[in-house]
N, C-alpha and C. Protein backbone atom coordinates (compact mmCIF):
# COMPACT_ATOMS: atom_id res chain seq x y z
N MET A 1 -247.22 -149.26 -114.15
CA MET A 1 -246.75 -150.54 -113.30
C MET A 1 -247.39 -151.58 -113.99
N ASP A 2 -246.59 -153.11 -114.52
CA ASP A 2 -247.10 -154.17 -114.95
C ASP A 2 -247.33 -154.66 -113.21
N ALA A 3 -248.55 -155.59 -113.86
CA ALA A 3 -248.92 -156.66 -112.71
C ALA A 3 -248.01 -157.12 -111.89
N LEU A 4 -246.90 -157.90 -112.38
CA LEU A 4 -245.99 -158.33 -111.60
C LEU A 4 -245.05 -157.34 -110.54
N GLU A 5 -244.87 -156.21 -111.09
CA GLU A 5 -244.39 -154.98 -110.37
C GLU A 5 -245.09 -154.55 -108.94
N LEU A 6 -246.67 -154.68 -109.60
CA LEU A 6 -247.47 -154.46 -108.54
C LEU A 6 -247.53 -155.15 -107.33
N LYS A 7 -247.48 -156.47 -107.62
CA LYS A 7 -247.68 -157.59 -106.31
C LYS A 7 -246.13 -157.38 -105.85
N ARG A 8 -245.16 -156.81 -106.43
CA ARG A 8 -243.71 -156.55 -105.79
C ARG A 8 -243.84 -155.61 -104.71
N THR A 9 -244.40 -154.60 -105.10
CA THR A 9 -244.77 -153.52 -104.40
C THR A 9 -245.33 -153.79 -102.94
N ILE A 10 -246.55 -154.19 -103.34
CA ILE A 10 -247.88 -155.07 -102.40
C ILE A 10 -246.98 -155.70 -101.48
N LYS A 11 -246.14 -156.81 -101.74
CA LYS A 11 -245.59 -157.45 -100.61
C LYS A 11 -244.28 -157.01 -99.93
N TYR A 12 -243.54 -156.02 -100.25
CA TYR A 12 -242.98 -155.04 -99.62
C TYR A 12 -243.64 -154.27 -98.44
N ALA A 13 -244.81 -154.11 -99.18
CA ALA A 13 -245.58 -152.81 -98.20
C ALA A 13 -245.99 -153.61 -96.96
N ARG A 14 -246.32 -155.07 -97.42
CA ARG A 14 -246.98 -156.10 -96.28
C ARG A 14 -245.40 -156.10 -95.28
N GLU A 15 -244.63 -156.69 -95.72
CA GLU A 15 -243.03 -156.97 -95.00
C GLU A 15 -242.87 -155.51 -94.18
N ALA A 16 -243.11 -154.62 -94.51
CA ALA A 16 -242.72 -153.30 -93.90
C ALA A 16 -243.52 -152.92 -92.87
N VAL A 17 -244.90 -153.65 -92.77
CA VAL A 17 -245.71 -153.13 -91.85
C VAL A 17 -246.01 -154.73 -90.65
N LYS A 18 -245.40 -155.69 -91.09
CA LYS A 18 -245.48 -157.21 -90.40
C LYS A 18 -245.32 -156.93 -88.92
N ASP A 19 -245.20 -155.93 -88.39
CA ASP A 19 -244.54 -156.00 -86.78
C ASP A 19 -245.55 -155.17 -86.45
N GLU A 20 -246.39 -154.24 -86.97
CA GLU A 20 -247.30 -152.99 -86.34
C GLU A 20 -248.26 -153.67 -85.69
N SER A 21 -248.85 -153.07 -84.69
CA SER A 21 -249.93 -153.41 -83.88
C SER A 21 -251.19 -153.25 -84.65
N ASP A 22 -252.33 -154.17 -84.64
CA ASP A 22 -253.56 -154.00 -85.64
C ASP A 22 -254.28 -152.85 -85.56
N PRO A 23 -254.02 -152.03 -84.96
CA PRO A 23 -255.05 -150.60 -85.17
C PRO A 23 -254.25 -149.87 -85.97
N TYR A 24 -252.58 -149.94 -86.29
CA TYR A 24 -252.12 -148.74 -87.06
C TYR A 24 -251.67 -149.69 -88.25
N LYS A 25 -251.69 -150.97 -88.05
CA LYS A 25 -251.29 -151.81 -89.68
C LYS A 25 -252.01 -151.48 -90.75
N ILE A 26 -253.21 -151.53 -90.90
CA ILE A 26 -253.92 -151.12 -92.22
C ILE A 26 -253.30 -149.77 -92.81
N GLU A 27 -253.68 -148.56 -92.14
CA GLU A 27 -253.24 -147.55 -92.33
C GLU A 27 -251.67 -147.16 -92.48
N ALA A 28 -250.93 -147.95 -91.82
CA ALA A 28 -249.22 -147.83 -92.42
C ALA A 28 -249.21 -148.90 -93.47
N PHE A 29 -250.10 -149.76 -94.09
CA PHE A 29 -249.79 -150.41 -94.97
C PHE A 29 -250.45 -149.64 -96.43
N LYS A 30 -251.45 -148.61 -96.07
CA LYS A 30 -251.82 -147.82 -97.38
C LYS A 30 -251.06 -146.76 -97.51
N VAL A 31 -250.34 -146.14 -96.47
CA VAL A 31 -248.90 -145.07 -96.83
C VAL A 31 -248.14 -145.52 -97.44
N ILE A 32 -247.33 -146.96 -96.72
CA ILE A 32 -246.36 -147.27 -97.43
C ILE A 32 -246.81 -148.04 -99.00
N LEU A 33 -247.79 -148.15 -99.09
CA LEU A 33 -247.87 -148.80 -100.63
C LEU A 33 -248.34 -147.47 -101.50
N SER A 34 -248.74 -146.55 -100.94
CA SER A 34 -248.93 -145.28 -102.02
C SER A 34 -247.68 -144.47 -102.29
N ASN A 35 -246.88 -144.67 -101.30
CA ASN A 35 -245.65 -143.82 -101.31
C ASN A 35 -244.38 -144.69 -102.18
N LEU A 36 -244.74 -145.87 -102.20
CA LEU A 36 -243.88 -147.17 -103.01
C LEU A 36 -244.71 -147.14 -104.59
N ILE A 37 -245.46 -146.71 -104.79
CA ILE A 37 -246.37 -146.48 -106.11
C ILE A 37 -246.08 -145.22 -106.56
N ALA A 38 -246.07 -144.41 -106.22
CA ALA A 38 -245.17 -142.61 -106.14
C ALA A 38 -244.13 -142.60 -106.62
N GLN A 39 -243.23 -143.86 -106.77
CA GLN A 39 -242.31 -143.80 -107.13
C GLN A 39 -240.51 -143.26 -105.77
N ARG A 40 -241.56 -143.73 -104.50
CA ARG A 40 -240.65 -142.87 -103.60
C ARG A 40 -239.60 -143.93 -103.28
N SER A 41 -238.36 -143.37 -102.63
CA SER A 41 -237.27 -144.58 -102.69
C SER A 41 -237.84 -145.33 -101.56
N ILE A 42 -237.47 -146.98 -102.32
CA ILE A 42 -237.92 -148.08 -100.87
C ILE A 42 -237.37 -147.78 -99.60
N ASP A 43 -235.88 -147.27 -99.72
CA ASP A 43 -235.20 -147.40 -98.47
C ASP A 43 -235.40 -146.51 -97.39
N GLU A 44 -236.19 -145.44 -98.41
CA GLU A 44 -237.11 -144.51 -97.04
C GLU A 44 -238.21 -144.81 -95.96
N ILE A 45 -238.84 -146.09 -96.91
CA ILE A 45 -240.09 -146.56 -96.03
C ILE A 45 -239.59 -147.76 -95.53
N LEU A 46 -239.11 -148.56 -96.00
CA LEU A 46 -239.07 -150.01 -95.56
C LEU A 46 -237.65 -149.92 -94.32
N PRO A 47 -237.71 -151.26 -93.60
CA PRO A 47 -236.78 -151.42 -92.64
C PRO A 47 -235.48 -151.67 -93.33
N GLU A 48 -234.21 -151.46 -92.75
CA GLU A 48 -233.07 -151.60 -93.40
C GLU A 48 -232.82 -153.50 -94.03
N GLY A 49 -232.15 -153.76 -95.05
CA GLY A 49 -232.35 -154.94 -95.49
C GLY A 49 -233.47 -155.56 -96.05
N VAL A 50 -235.02 -154.79 -95.88
CA VAL A 50 -236.04 -155.64 -96.93
C VAL A 50 -235.78 -155.99 -97.96
N VAL A 51 -235.36 -154.90 -98.71
CA VAL A 51 -235.16 -154.61 -100.16
C VAL A 51 -233.59 -153.98 -100.61
N ARG A 52 -233.58 -154.28 -101.78
CA ARG A 52 -232.10 -153.47 -102.29
C ARG A 52 -232.94 -152.25 -102.42
N LYS A 53 -231.69 -150.92 -102.35
CA LYS A 53 -232.08 -149.58 -102.94
C LYS A 53 -232.97 -149.50 -104.09
N ALA A 54 -234.10 -148.94 -104.37
CA ALA A 54 -234.62 -148.92 -105.43
C ALA A 54 -234.30 -147.19 -106.36
N GLU A 55 -234.27 -147.26 -107.52
CA GLU A 55 -233.40 -146.09 -108.40
C GLU A 55 -234.96 -145.15 -107.92
N LYS A 56 -234.00 -144.00 -107.99
CA LYS A 56 -235.03 -142.83 -108.28
C LYS A 56 -235.39 -142.52 -109.73
N MET A 57 -236.42 -141.84 -109.77
CA MET A 57 -237.10 -141.06 -111.15
C MET A 57 -236.16 -140.35 -111.79
N ASN A 58 -235.28 -141.38 -112.74
CA ASN A 58 -234.15 -140.04 -113.12
C ASN A 58 -233.51 -138.90 -112.51
N ASN A 59 -233.15 -139.27 -110.53
CA ASN A 59 -232.53 -138.82 -110.19
C ASN A 59 -233.36 -137.27 -109.89
N ILE A 60 -234.64 -137.02 -109.95
CA ILE A 60 -235.27 -136.00 -109.66
C ILE A 60 -235.28 -135.89 -107.90
N PRO A 61 -235.32 -135.06 -107.46
CA PRO A 61 -235.41 -134.97 -105.92
C PRO A 61 -236.55 -135.16 -105.44
N TYR A 62 -236.88 -135.63 -104.11
CA TYR A 62 -237.96 -136.28 -103.81
C TYR A 62 -238.84 -135.00 -103.61
N ALA A 63 -238.50 -134.18 -103.16
CA ALA A 63 -239.33 -133.05 -103.04
C ALA A 63 -240.30 -132.48 -104.16
N ILE A 64 -239.11 -132.54 -105.21
CA ILE A 64 -240.32 -132.24 -106.62
C ILE A 64 -240.96 -133.31 -107.08
N ILE A 65 -240.62 -134.58 -106.73
CA ILE A 65 -241.62 -135.62 -106.86
C ILE A 65 -242.93 -135.75 -106.52
N MET A 66 -242.59 -135.27 -104.83
CA MET A 66 -244.39 -134.86 -104.46
C MET A 66 -244.68 -133.99 -104.73
N LYS A 67 -244.35 -132.72 -105.53
CA LYS A 67 -245.08 -132.01 -105.75
C LYS A 67 -245.54 -132.23 -107.10
N MET A 68 -245.05 -132.93 -108.03
CA MET A 68 -245.63 -133.32 -109.40
C MET A 68 -246.97 -133.53 -109.60
N PRO A 69 -247.76 -134.46 -108.72
CA PRO A 69 -248.83 -134.38 -109.36
C PRO A 69 -249.74 -133.10 -109.18
N ASP A 70 -249.33 -132.44 -108.60
CA ASP A 70 -250.19 -130.91 -108.51
C ASP A 70 -249.61 -129.65 -109.90
N LEU A 71 -248.59 -130.21 -110.66
CA LEU A 71 -248.66 -129.47 -111.97
C LEU A 71 -249.21 -130.23 -113.15
N LYS A 72 -248.94 -129.47 -114.10
CA LYS A 72 -249.82 -129.75 -115.46
C LYS A 72 -249.00 -130.61 -116.17
N ASN A 73 -249.36 -131.44 -116.96
CA ASN A 73 -248.57 -132.33 -117.99
C ASN A 73 -247.50 -132.13 -118.81
N LYS A 74 -247.32 -130.83 -119.05
CA LYS A 74 -246.20 -130.27 -119.64
C LYS A 74 -245.28 -130.03 -118.74
N GLU A 75 -245.56 -130.02 -117.31
CA GLU A 75 -244.81 -129.43 -116.49
C GLU A 75 -243.93 -130.54 -115.97
N ARG A 76 -244.34 -131.60 -116.03
CA ARG A 76 -244.17 -132.92 -115.51
C ARG A 76 -243.19 -133.42 -116.37
N ILE A 77 -243.30 -133.00 -117.90
CA ILE A 77 -242.44 -133.63 -118.83
C ILE A 77 -241.25 -132.62 -118.47
N GLN A 78 -241.35 -131.60 -118.51
CA GLN A 78 -240.26 -130.67 -118.50
C GLN A 78 -239.53 -131.28 -117.53
N ILE A 79 -240.01 -131.46 -116.31
CA ILE A 79 -239.09 -132.05 -115.59
C ILE A 79 -238.40 -133.13 -115.57
N LEU A 80 -239.10 -133.85 -116.18
CA LEU A 80 -238.32 -135.13 -116.43
C LEU A 80 -237.20 -135.10 -117.72
N LEU A 81 -237.62 -134.24 -118.09
CA LEU A 81 -236.20 -133.93 -119.46
C LEU A 81 -235.04 -133.20 -119.00
N TYR A 82 -235.47 -132.53 -118.04
CA TYR A 82 -234.34 -131.38 -117.52
C TYR A 82 -233.60 -132.49 -116.61
N PHE A 83 -233.97 -133.71 -116.10
CA PHE A 83 -233.24 -134.19 -115.42
C PHE A 83 -232.46 -135.58 -115.81
N SER A 84 -232.73 -135.60 -117.22
CA SER A 84 -232.39 -136.84 -117.99
C SER A 84 -231.24 -136.31 -118.50
N ASN A 85 -230.31 -137.28 -118.47
CA ASN A 85 -228.76 -137.24 -119.18
C ASN A 85 -228.88 -137.01 -120.68
N LYS A 86 -229.91 -137.34 -121.39
CA LYS A 86 -229.80 -137.79 -122.62
C LYS A 86 -231.44 -137.37 -123.39
N SER A 87 -231.51 -137.46 -124.73
CA SER A 87 -232.91 -136.69 -125.14
C SER A 87 -233.52 -138.27 -125.34
N LEU A 88 -234.82 -138.44 -125.32
CA LEU A 88 -235.67 -139.20 -125.02
C LEU A 88 -236.95 -139.45 -126.09
N THR A 89 -237.52 -140.96 -126.47
CA THR A 89 -238.40 -140.89 -127.17
C THR A 89 -239.47 -140.88 -126.61
N LYS A 90 -240.91 -140.49 -127.36
CA LYS A 90 -242.30 -140.05 -126.48
C LYS A 90 -242.05 -141.29 -125.81
N GLU A 91 -242.21 -142.26 -126.38
CA GLU A 91 -242.43 -143.74 -125.26
C GLU A 91 -241.45 -143.62 -124.23
N GLU A 92 -240.44 -143.64 -124.23
CA GLU A 92 -239.57 -143.26 -122.94
C GLU A 92 -240.01 -142.38 -122.00
N ILE A 93 -240.31 -141.14 -122.29
CA ILE A 93 -240.99 -140.22 -121.52
C ILE A 93 -242.48 -140.42 -121.27
N LYS A 94 -243.31 -141.51 -121.95
CA LYS A 94 -244.73 -141.93 -121.26
C LYS A 94 -244.29 -142.63 -120.21
N GLU A 95 -243.14 -143.72 -120.50
CA GLU A 95 -242.97 -144.87 -119.48
C GLU A 95 -242.50 -143.95 -118.30
N GLN A 96 -241.37 -143.27 -118.01
CA GLN A 96 -241.12 -142.55 -116.95
C GLN A 96 -241.97 -141.98 -116.10
N VAL A 97 -242.82 -141.17 -117.03
CA VAL A 97 -243.74 -140.59 -116.25
C VAL A 97 -245.27 -141.24 -116.05
N SER A 98 -245.49 -142.49 -116.06
CA SER A 98 -246.38 -143.31 -116.21
C SER A 98 -246.77 -143.23 -114.71
N GLY A 99 -246.35 -143.19 -113.82
CA GLY A 99 -246.55 -143.11 -112.18
C GLY A 99 -247.02 -142.10 -111.54
N ILE A 100 -247.25 -140.91 -112.25
CA ILE A 100 -247.31 -139.42 -111.63
C ILE A 100 -248.46 -138.98 -112.36
N GLY A 101 -249.35 -140.11 -112.70
CA GLY A 101 -250.76 -139.32 -113.43
C GLY A 101 -251.48 -138.81 -114.70
N ILE A 102 -250.28 -138.78 -115.66
CA ILE A 102 -250.47 -138.08 -117.04
C ILE A 102 -251.54 -139.30 -117.52
N ASP A 103 -252.63 -138.72 -118.05
CA ASP A 103 -253.94 -139.72 -118.69
C ASP A 103 -253.88 -139.87 -120.16
N GLU A 104 -253.94 -140.95 -120.14
CA GLU A 104 -253.73 -141.68 -121.72
C GLU A 104 -254.29 -141.04 -122.80
N GLY A 105 -255.51 -140.20 -122.38
CA GLY A 105 -255.84 -139.42 -123.79
C GLY A 105 -255.11 -138.21 -124.03
N TRP A 106 -254.66 -137.91 -122.97
CA TRP A 106 -253.41 -136.86 -123.30
C TRP A 106 -252.36 -136.85 -124.47
N TRP A 107 -251.71 -138.41 -124.35
CA TRP A 107 -251.10 -138.88 -125.30
C TRP A 107 -251.12 -139.21 -126.57
N ASN A 108 -252.70 -139.73 -126.53
CA ASN A 108 -253.00 -140.23 -127.75
C ASN A 108 -253.43 -139.01 -128.92
N GLY A 109 -253.86 -137.84 -128.10
CA GLY A 109 -254.15 -136.91 -129.18
C GLY A 109 -252.76 -135.79 -129.57
N SER A 110 -252.85 -134.61 -130.04
CA SER A 110 -251.80 -133.73 -130.21
C SER A 110 -251.69 -133.20 -129.12
N ASN A 111 -251.99 -133.14 -128.08
CA ASN A 111 -251.65 -132.43 -126.98
C ASN A 111 -249.85 -132.63 -126.73
N PHE A 112 -249.23 -133.27 -126.76
CA PHE A 112 -247.80 -133.68 -126.30
C PHE A 112 -247.18 -132.67 -127.37
N LYS A 113 -247.11 -132.49 -128.68
CA LYS A 113 -246.50 -131.10 -129.28
C LYS A 113 -246.90 -130.35 -129.55
N ARG A 114 -248.35 -130.16 -129.13
CA ARG A 114 -249.19 -128.46 -129.08
C ARG A 114 -248.77 -127.88 -127.87
N ASP A 115 -248.51 -128.82 -126.51
CA ASP A 115 -248.44 -128.21 -125.44
C ASP A 115 -246.70 -127.79 -125.10
N LEU A 116 -245.94 -128.74 -125.91
CA LEU A 116 -244.59 -128.69 -125.79
C LEU A 116 -243.64 -127.85 -126.70
N MET A 117 -244.36 -127.94 -128.08
CA MET A 117 -243.36 -127.48 -129.14
C MET A 117 -243.94 -126.01 -129.67
N LYS A 118 -245.11 -126.08 -129.81
CA LYS A 118 -245.57 -124.61 -130.80
C LYS A 118 -245.21 -123.51 -129.88
N ARG A 119 -246.02 -123.12 -128.91
CA ARG A 119 -245.93 -122.00 -128.10
C ARG A 119 -244.82 -121.59 -128.20
N ARG A 120 -243.75 -121.97 -126.97
CA ARG A 120 -242.54 -121.20 -126.68
C ARG A 120 -241.11 -122.30 -127.08
N LYS A 121 -241.26 -123.17 -128.23
CA LYS A 121 -240.11 -123.91 -128.46
C LYS A 121 -239.61 -124.83 -127.33
N ILE A 122 -239.98 -125.28 -126.39
CA ILE A 122 -239.75 -125.97 -125.16
C ILE A 122 -239.01 -126.96 -125.72
N LEU A 123 -239.49 -127.60 -126.57
CA LEU A 123 -238.83 -129.15 -126.84
C LEU A 123 -238.40 -128.85 -128.44
N ILE A 124 -236.84 -129.60 -128.39
CA ILE A 124 -236.41 -130.14 -129.81
C ILE A 124 -236.41 -131.31 -130.28
N GLU A 125 -236.95 -131.52 -131.43
CA GLU A 125 -237.58 -132.80 -131.76
C GLU A 125 -236.12 -133.08 -133.26
N LYS A 126 -235.49 -134.62 -132.97
CA LYS A 126 -234.79 -134.67 -133.26
C LYS A 126 -234.87 -136.27 -133.86
N LYS A 127 -234.65 -136.50 -135.33
CA LYS A 127 -234.75 -138.04 -135.46
C LYS A 127 -233.03 -138.26 -135.35
N ASP A 128 -232.99 -139.27 -134.75
CA ASP A 128 -231.84 -140.32 -134.86
C ASP A 128 -231.18 -141.11 -136.16
N ALA A 129 -230.33 -141.87 -136.02
CA ALA A 129 -229.91 -142.40 -136.99
C ALA A 129 -230.86 -143.67 -137.73
N LEU A 130 -231.56 -144.14 -136.56
CA LEU A 130 -232.78 -145.45 -137.05
C LEU A 130 -234.15 -144.36 -137.39
N GLY A 131 -234.24 -143.07 -137.67
CA GLY A 131 -235.24 -142.67 -137.72
C GLY A 131 -236.89 -142.37 -136.86
N ILE A 132 -235.76 -142.69 -135.41
CA ILE A 132 -236.75 -142.53 -134.33
C ILE A 132 -236.76 -140.93 -134.00
N THR A 133 -237.61 -140.66 -133.67
CA THR A 133 -237.83 -139.24 -133.11
C THR A 133 -237.44 -138.95 -131.46
N ARG A 134 -236.69 -138.20 -131.17
CA ARG A 134 -236.46 -138.00 -129.84
C ARG A 134 -236.47 -136.90 -129.67
N TYR A 135 -236.47 -136.82 -128.30
CA TYR A 135 -236.84 -135.17 -127.96
C TYR A 135 -236.19 -134.69 -126.55
N LYS A 136 -235.87 -133.36 -126.43
CA LYS A 136 -234.90 -132.84 -125.27
C LYS A 136 -235.43 -131.40 -125.30
N LEU A 137 -235.30 -130.61 -124.23
CA LEU A 137 -235.14 -129.29 -124.06
C LEU A 137 -234.40 -128.81 -124.72
N SER A 138 -235.05 -127.50 -125.24
CA SER A 138 -234.19 -126.32 -125.75
C SER A 138 -233.54 -125.57 -124.75
N ASN A 139 -232.66 -124.45 -125.22
CA ASN A 139 -231.99 -123.95 -124.34
C ASN A 139 -233.16 -122.99 -123.53
N ILE A 140 -234.10 -122.68 -124.18
CA ILE A 140 -235.33 -121.53 -123.25
C ILE A 140 -236.24 -122.62 -122.62
N GLY A 141 -236.62 -123.76 -122.84
CA GLY A 141 -236.98 -124.84 -121.92
C GLY A 141 -236.28 -125.27 -120.87
N ASP A 142 -234.69 -125.08 -120.84
CA ASP A 142 -234.02 -125.56 -119.86
C ASP A 142 -234.30 -124.15 -118.95
N LEU A 143 -234.36 -122.76 -119.15
CA LEU A 143 -234.57 -121.94 -118.19
C LEU A 143 -235.95 -121.98 -118.16
N ILE A 144 -236.57 -122.27 -118.71
CA ILE A 144 -237.94 -122.05 -118.15
C ILE A 144 -238.32 -123.20 -117.04
N THR A 145 -237.98 -124.51 -117.05
CA THR A 145 -237.92 -125.49 -116.38
C THR A 145 -236.85 -125.26 -115.29
N LYS A 146 -236.02 -124.63 -115.08
CA LYS A 146 -234.90 -124.34 -113.99
C LYS A 146 -235.93 -123.29 -113.17
N SER A 147 -236.53 -122.21 -113.51
CA SER A 147 -237.18 -120.99 -112.96
C SER A 147 -238.43 -121.75 -112.07
N LEU A 148 -238.96 -122.97 -112.72
CA LEU A 148 -240.37 -123.99 -112.20
C LEU A 148 -239.65 -124.51 -111.42
N LEU A 149 -238.65 -124.96 -111.31
CA LEU A 149 -237.81 -125.95 -109.98
C LEU A 149 -237.67 -125.00 -108.98
N ASP A 150 -237.01 -123.80 -109.09
CA ASP A 150 -236.91 -122.78 -107.98
C ASP A 150 -237.90 -122.46 -107.66
N LYS A 151 -238.98 -122.33 -108.33
CA LYS A 151 -240.30 -121.90 -107.50
C LYS A 151 -240.91 -123.16 -106.90
N LEU A 152 -240.86 -124.24 -107.34
CA LEU A 152 -241.08 -125.32 -106.67
C LEU A 152 -240.52 -125.73 -105.00
N LEU A 153 -239.30 -125.48 -105.01
CA LEU A 153 -238.47 -125.43 -103.98
C LEU A 153 -238.69 -124.83 -102.92
N LYS A 154 -238.89 -123.28 -103.34
CA LYS A 154 -239.19 -122.34 -102.55
C LYS A 154 -240.58 -122.42 -101.97
N THR A 155 -241.65 -123.26 -102.34
CA THR A 155 -242.99 -123.42 -101.47
C THR A 155 -243.00 -124.66 -100.70
């Protein structure tokens, strides 16, 4: 999240709590701001008409987004790719999951390929016409991720 987006998010949170009484204003602000930062739909938090509808993170259901911080990095990326309608570059994946807590060290090392490609061949790696490497889930990856989602939705 860049500085401008963070300032905008803080402004939205302030607008949402401006009519609250003082004892509750700070706590309400904290809750709303943390939910906005966690990619929650703005319409679910803010009063009608304050801001336009925010896009969901690749159409991932809200119930899954709320459980993503408890998952391993590999599982978070699997879910993102499962709901994505196209293959993504490593940078696109990194950008889209930045709000759910994958640390920078994991991206800089060999963890990405080791965790997602070697053991069960969860990812398919292809180069496009420009030579840019793109990733998508393999058939096995789809099945594993579907099973993970079913498990998450039951709990």
